[in-house]
Amino acid sequence: MSLLELLAVLFSAAGVWLTGRRAVLCWPVMLVASVLYGVVFWRAHLYADAALQGVFAALSLYGWWRWLRGVRDEGAVQVIQPPQGVMVRGVVLSVAAGVLLGGVLQTWTDDPNPLMDALLSTFSILGQMWMARRYLASWLIWLGVDVLYTGLFVVRELYLTAGLYAAFVGLAVAGWLQWRAVCVITEPEKPPFE
């Protein structure tokens, strides 16, 4: 465990907690966490996860912008239930992209868990995109991702990060319950990256 990993854990935990509370401040906090974890994962040879942090940094800026536009009068962000077609397309695209990325990682890197690393990365991108769009289903994606990441980080001997992701499982359940209580809107069918 390094000081860098400890800081990444603290910023990540704060960011997820703020997200569950629908606070716009979650996005700049997660931006800092992404930069810190980018370095931690690169040093652990988890290249897809290191690159993922760059994507998370960009999605943090996008989410910050989207949420600033979606704040209600009481200061909380409005939660949306996406159409079923959006959810199915997102999952199918994430699996396909994960399998392709896994092949790339297996062929050209020393990643010890290329397919798992790749699939978790692509589903993390999906979860983050859905979070930025304020989709209730984003919490279910994060629940599955967090369970699997906990095991991966134990295998990679990133024990503090594994503990964080184990805690994220509980935060994902709590976030889903909190968001479900206020979710009343169904968004009309749109292209997945609009």
Protein backbone atom coordinates (compact mmCIF):
# COMPACT_ATOMS: atom_id res chain seq x y z
CA MET A 1 0.00 0.00 0.00
CA SER A 2 1.33 3.41 -0.97
CA LEU A 3 0.33 6.94 -0.02
CA LEU A 4 -0.84 7.39 -3.61
CA GLU A 5 -3.17 4.38 -3.34
CA LEU A 6 -4.48 5.65 0.02
CA LEU A 7 -5.28 9.07 -1.48
CA ALA A 8 -6.95 7.41 -4.47
CA VAL A 9 -9.08 5.31 -2.12
CA LEU A 10 -10.15 8.34 -0.07
CA PHE A 11 -11.08 10.44 -3.10
CA SER A 12 -12.90 7.51 -4.73
CA ALA A 13 -14.91 6.71 -1.61
CA ALA A 14 -15.87 10.37 -1.19
CA GLY A 15 -16.85 10.60 -4.85
CA VAL A 16 -19.10 7.53 -4.76
CA TRP A 17 -20.71 8.66 -1.51
CA LEU A 18 -21.42 12.10 -3.03
CA THR A 19 -22.83 10.42 -6.15
CA GLY A 20 -25.29 8.41 -4.06
CA ARG A 21 -26.41 11.67 -2.49
CA ARG A 22 -26.87 13.13 -6.01
CA ALA A 23 -24.41 15.95 -5.26
CA VAL A 24 -22.79 17.62 -8.28
CA LEU A 25 -19.54 17.88 -6.27
CA CYS A 26 -19.05 14.14 -6.88
CA TRP A 27 -17.62 14.85 -10.36
CA PRO A 28 -14.59 17.02 -9.47
CA VAL A 29 -13.81 14.65 -6.60
CA MET A 30 -13.95 11.68 -8.99
CA LEU A 31 -11.74 13.57 -11.45
CA VAL A 32 -8.97 13.74 -8.84
CA ALA A 33 -9.51 10.06 -7.96
CA SER A 34 -9.17 9.12 -11.64
CA VAL A 35 -5.81 10.83 -11.98
CA LEU A 36 -4.49 9.17 -8.81
CA TYR A 37 -5.75 5.72 -9.77
CA GLY A 38 -4.33 6.07 -13.28
CA VAL A 39 -0.86 6.06 -11.76
CA VAL A 40 -1.65 3.28 -9.25
CA PHE A 41 -2.99 0.94 -11.94
CA TRP A 42 -0.15 1.65 -14.38
CA ARG A 43 2.35 0.69 -11.70
CA ALA A 44 0.38 -2.56 -11.10
CA HIS A 45 0.48 -3.43 -14.84
CA LEU A 46 -3.31 -3.14 -15.12
CA TYR A 47 -3.08 -1.21 -18.37
CA ALA A 48 -6.74 -1.26 -19.34
CA ASP A 49 -7.63 0.02 -15.89
CA ALA A 50 -4.95 2.70 -16.12
CA ALA A 51 -6.30 3.84 -19.50
CA LEU A 52 -9.80 3.62 -18.08
CA GLN A 53 -8.89 6.31 -15.58
CA GLY A 54 -8.20 8.68 -18.48
CA VAL A 55 -11.66 7.89 -19.83
CA PHE A 56 -13.09 8.41 -16.34
CA ALA A 57 -11.39 11.81 -16.13
CA ALA A 58 -13.04 12.85 -19.41
CA LEU A 59 -16.39 11.38 -18.32
CA SER A 60 -16.08 13.24 -15.01
CA LEU A 61 -15.97 16.50 -16.95
CA TYR A 62 -18.94 15.35 -19.06
CA GLY A 63 -20.87 14.23 -15.98
CA TRP A 64 -20.15 17.48 -14.19
CA TRP A 65 -21.52 19.42 -17.17
CA ARG A 66 -24.58 17.13 -17.55
CA TRP A 67 -25.43 17.22 -13.87
CA LEU A 68 -25.14 21.00 -13.68
CA ARG A 69 -27.87 21.07 -16.35
CA GLY A 70 -30.01 18.49 -14.48
CA VAL A 71 -30.09 19.99 -10.97
CA ARG A 72 -33.58 20.46 -9.56
CA ASP A 73 -34.74 23.27 -7.30
CA GLU A 74 -33.83 21.39 -4.12
CA GLY A 75 -30.23 21.06 -5.35
CA ALA A 76 -30.32 17.34 -6.16
CA VAL A 77 -29.94 15.80 -9.59
CA GLN A 78 -32.99 14.31 -11.30
CA VAL A 79 -32.79 10.51 -11.81
CA ILE A 80 -33.90 8.90 -15.09
CA GLN A 81 -34.94 5.34 -15.97
CA PRO A 82 -33.59 4.58 -19.46
CA PRO A 83 -35.60 2.61 -22.03
CA GLN A 84 -34.92 -1.13 -22.18
CA GLY A 85 -33.41 -0.85 -25.67
CA VAL A 86 -30.76 1.56 -24.42
CA MET A 87 -29.82 -0.86 -21.65
CA VAL A 88 -29.62 -3.90 -23.95
CA ARG A 89 -27.49 -2.04 -26.52
CA GLY A 90 -25.17 -0.81 -23.80
CA VAL A 91 -24.58 -4.29 -22.40
CA VAL A 92 -24.07 -5.89 -25.84
CA LEU A 93 -21.60 -3.18 -26.91
CA SER A 94 -19.71 -3.50 -23.62
CA VAL A 95 -19.31 -7.26 -24.00
CA ALA A 96 -18.15 -6.94 -27.62
CA ALA A 97 -15.69 -4.16 -26.84
CA GLY A 98 -14.42 -6.07 -23.80
CA VAL A 99 -13.70 -9.21 -25.80
CA LEU A 100 -11.85 -7.19 -28.46
CA LEU A 101 -9.85 -5.25 -25.87
CA GLY A 102 -9.07 -8.49 -24.02
CA GLY A 103 -7.54 -9.91 -27.19
CA VAL A 104 -5.41 -6.81 -27.64
CA LEU A 105 -4.22 -6.94 -24.04
CA GLN A 106 -3.43 -10.65 -24.25
CA THR A 107 -1.45 -10.20 -27.46
CA TRP A 108 0.50 -7.02 -26.77
CA THR A 109 0.84 -6.57 -23.00
CA ASP A 110 1.95 -8.45 -19.92
CA ASP A 111 -1.48 -8.01 -18.28
CA PRO A 112 -1.97 -11.15 -16.15
CA ASN A 113 -5.79 -11.00 -16.42
CA PRO A 114 -6.45 -9.53 -19.88
CA LEU A 115 -10.07 -10.58 -20.48
CA MET A 116 -11.24 -9.76 -16.96
CA ASP A 117 -9.35 -6.44 -17.02
CA ALA A 118 -10.88 -5.58 -20.40
CA LEU A 119 -14.48 -6.54 -19.59
CA LEU A 120 -14.40 -4.71 -16.29
CA SER A 121 -13.01 -1.67 -18.07
CA THR A 122 -15.70 -1.62 -20.76
CA PHE A 123 -18.49 -2.15 -18.25
CA SER A 124 -17.00 0.58 -16.07
CA ILE A 125 -17.19 2.95 -19.02
CA LEU A 126 -20.83 1.96 -19.50
CA GLY A 127 -21.55 2.49 -15.81
CA GLN A 128 -19.86 5.89 -15.83
CA MET A 129 -21.68 6.99 -19.00
CA TRP A 130 -24.99 5.95 -17.51
CA MET A 131 -24.11 7.69 -14.24
CA ALA A 132 -23.36 10.90 -16.16
CA ARG A 133 -26.78 10.59 -17.83
CA ARG A 134 -28.34 10.03 -14.37
CA TYR A 135 -29.64 6.54 -15.23
CA LEU A 136 -30.85 4.50 -12.27
CA ALA A 137 -29.49 1.32 -13.91
CA SER A 138 -25.93 2.64 -13.60
CA TRP A 139 -25.90 1.45 -9.99
CA LEU A 140 -26.63 -2.14 -11.06
CA ILE A 141 -23.71 -2.05 -13.50
CA TRP A 142 -21.49 -0.74 -10.71
CA LEU A 143 -22.68 -3.43 -8.32
CA GLY A 144 -21.52 -6.22 -10.65
CA VAL A 145 -18.31 -4.43 -11.60
CA ASP A 146 -17.39 -3.72 -7.98
CA VAL A 147 -17.87 -7.35 -6.90
CA LEU A 148 -15.58 -8.59 -9.69
CA TYR A 149 -13.00 -5.83 -9.24
CA THR A 150 -12.70 -6.73 -5.56
CA GLY A 151 -11.45 -10.18 -6.53
CA LEU A 152 -9.15 -8.86 -9.27
CA PHE A 153 -7.49 -6.39 -6.91
CA VAL A 154 -6.92 -9.10 -4.30
CA VAL A 155 -5.18 -11.19 -6.97
CA ARG A 156 -3.04 -8.15 -7.97
CA GLU A 157 -2.22 -7.56 -4.25
CA LEU A 158 -3.85 -4.12 -4.20
CA TYR A 159 -5.48 -4.90 -0.87
CA LEU A 160 -6.51 -1.37 0.08
CA THR A 161 -8.14 -0.93 -3.31
CA ALA A 162 -9.83 -4.34 -2.95
CA GLY A 163 -11.24 -3.17 0.37
CA LEU A 164 -12.47 0.03 -1.27
CA TYR A 165 -14.25 -1.93 -4.00
CA ALA A 166 -15.80 -4.23 -1.41
CA ALA A 167 -17.14 -1.08 0.28
CA PHE A 168 -18.31 0.16 -3.14
CA VAL A 169 -20.59 -2.89 -3.29
CA GLY A 170 -22.47 -1.56 -0.27
CA LEU A 171 -22.42 1.98 -1.63
CA ALA A 172 -23.81 0.75 -4.97
CA VAL A 173 -26.72 -0.92 -3.19
CA ALA A 174 -27.34 2.20 -1.09
CA GLY A 175 -27.04 4.47 -4.14
CA TRP A 176 -29.48 2.34 -6.12
CA LEU A 177 -32.00 2.40 -3.27
CA GLN A 178 -31.65 6.18 -2.84
CA TRP A 179 -31.96 6.86 -6.55
CA ARG A 180 -34.83 4.40 -7.01
CA ALA A 181 -36.83 6.30 -4.39
CA VAL A 182 -36.69 9.48 -6.51
CA CYS A 183 -36.70 8.03 -10.05
CA VAL A 184 -39.95 8.97 -11.76
CA ILE A 185 -38.96 9.74 -15.33
CA THR A 186 -38.45 7.47 -18.31
CA GLU A 187 -36.26 8.97 -21.00
CA PRO A 188 -37.45 8.51 -24.60
CA GLU A 189 -35.48 6.15 -26.86
CA LYS A 190 -32.35 7.89 -28.24
CA PRO A 191 -29.12 6.81 -29.91
CA PRO A 192 -26.71 5.43 -27.26
CA PHE A 193 -24.07 8.18 -27.53
CA GLU A 194 -26.24 11.21 -28.10
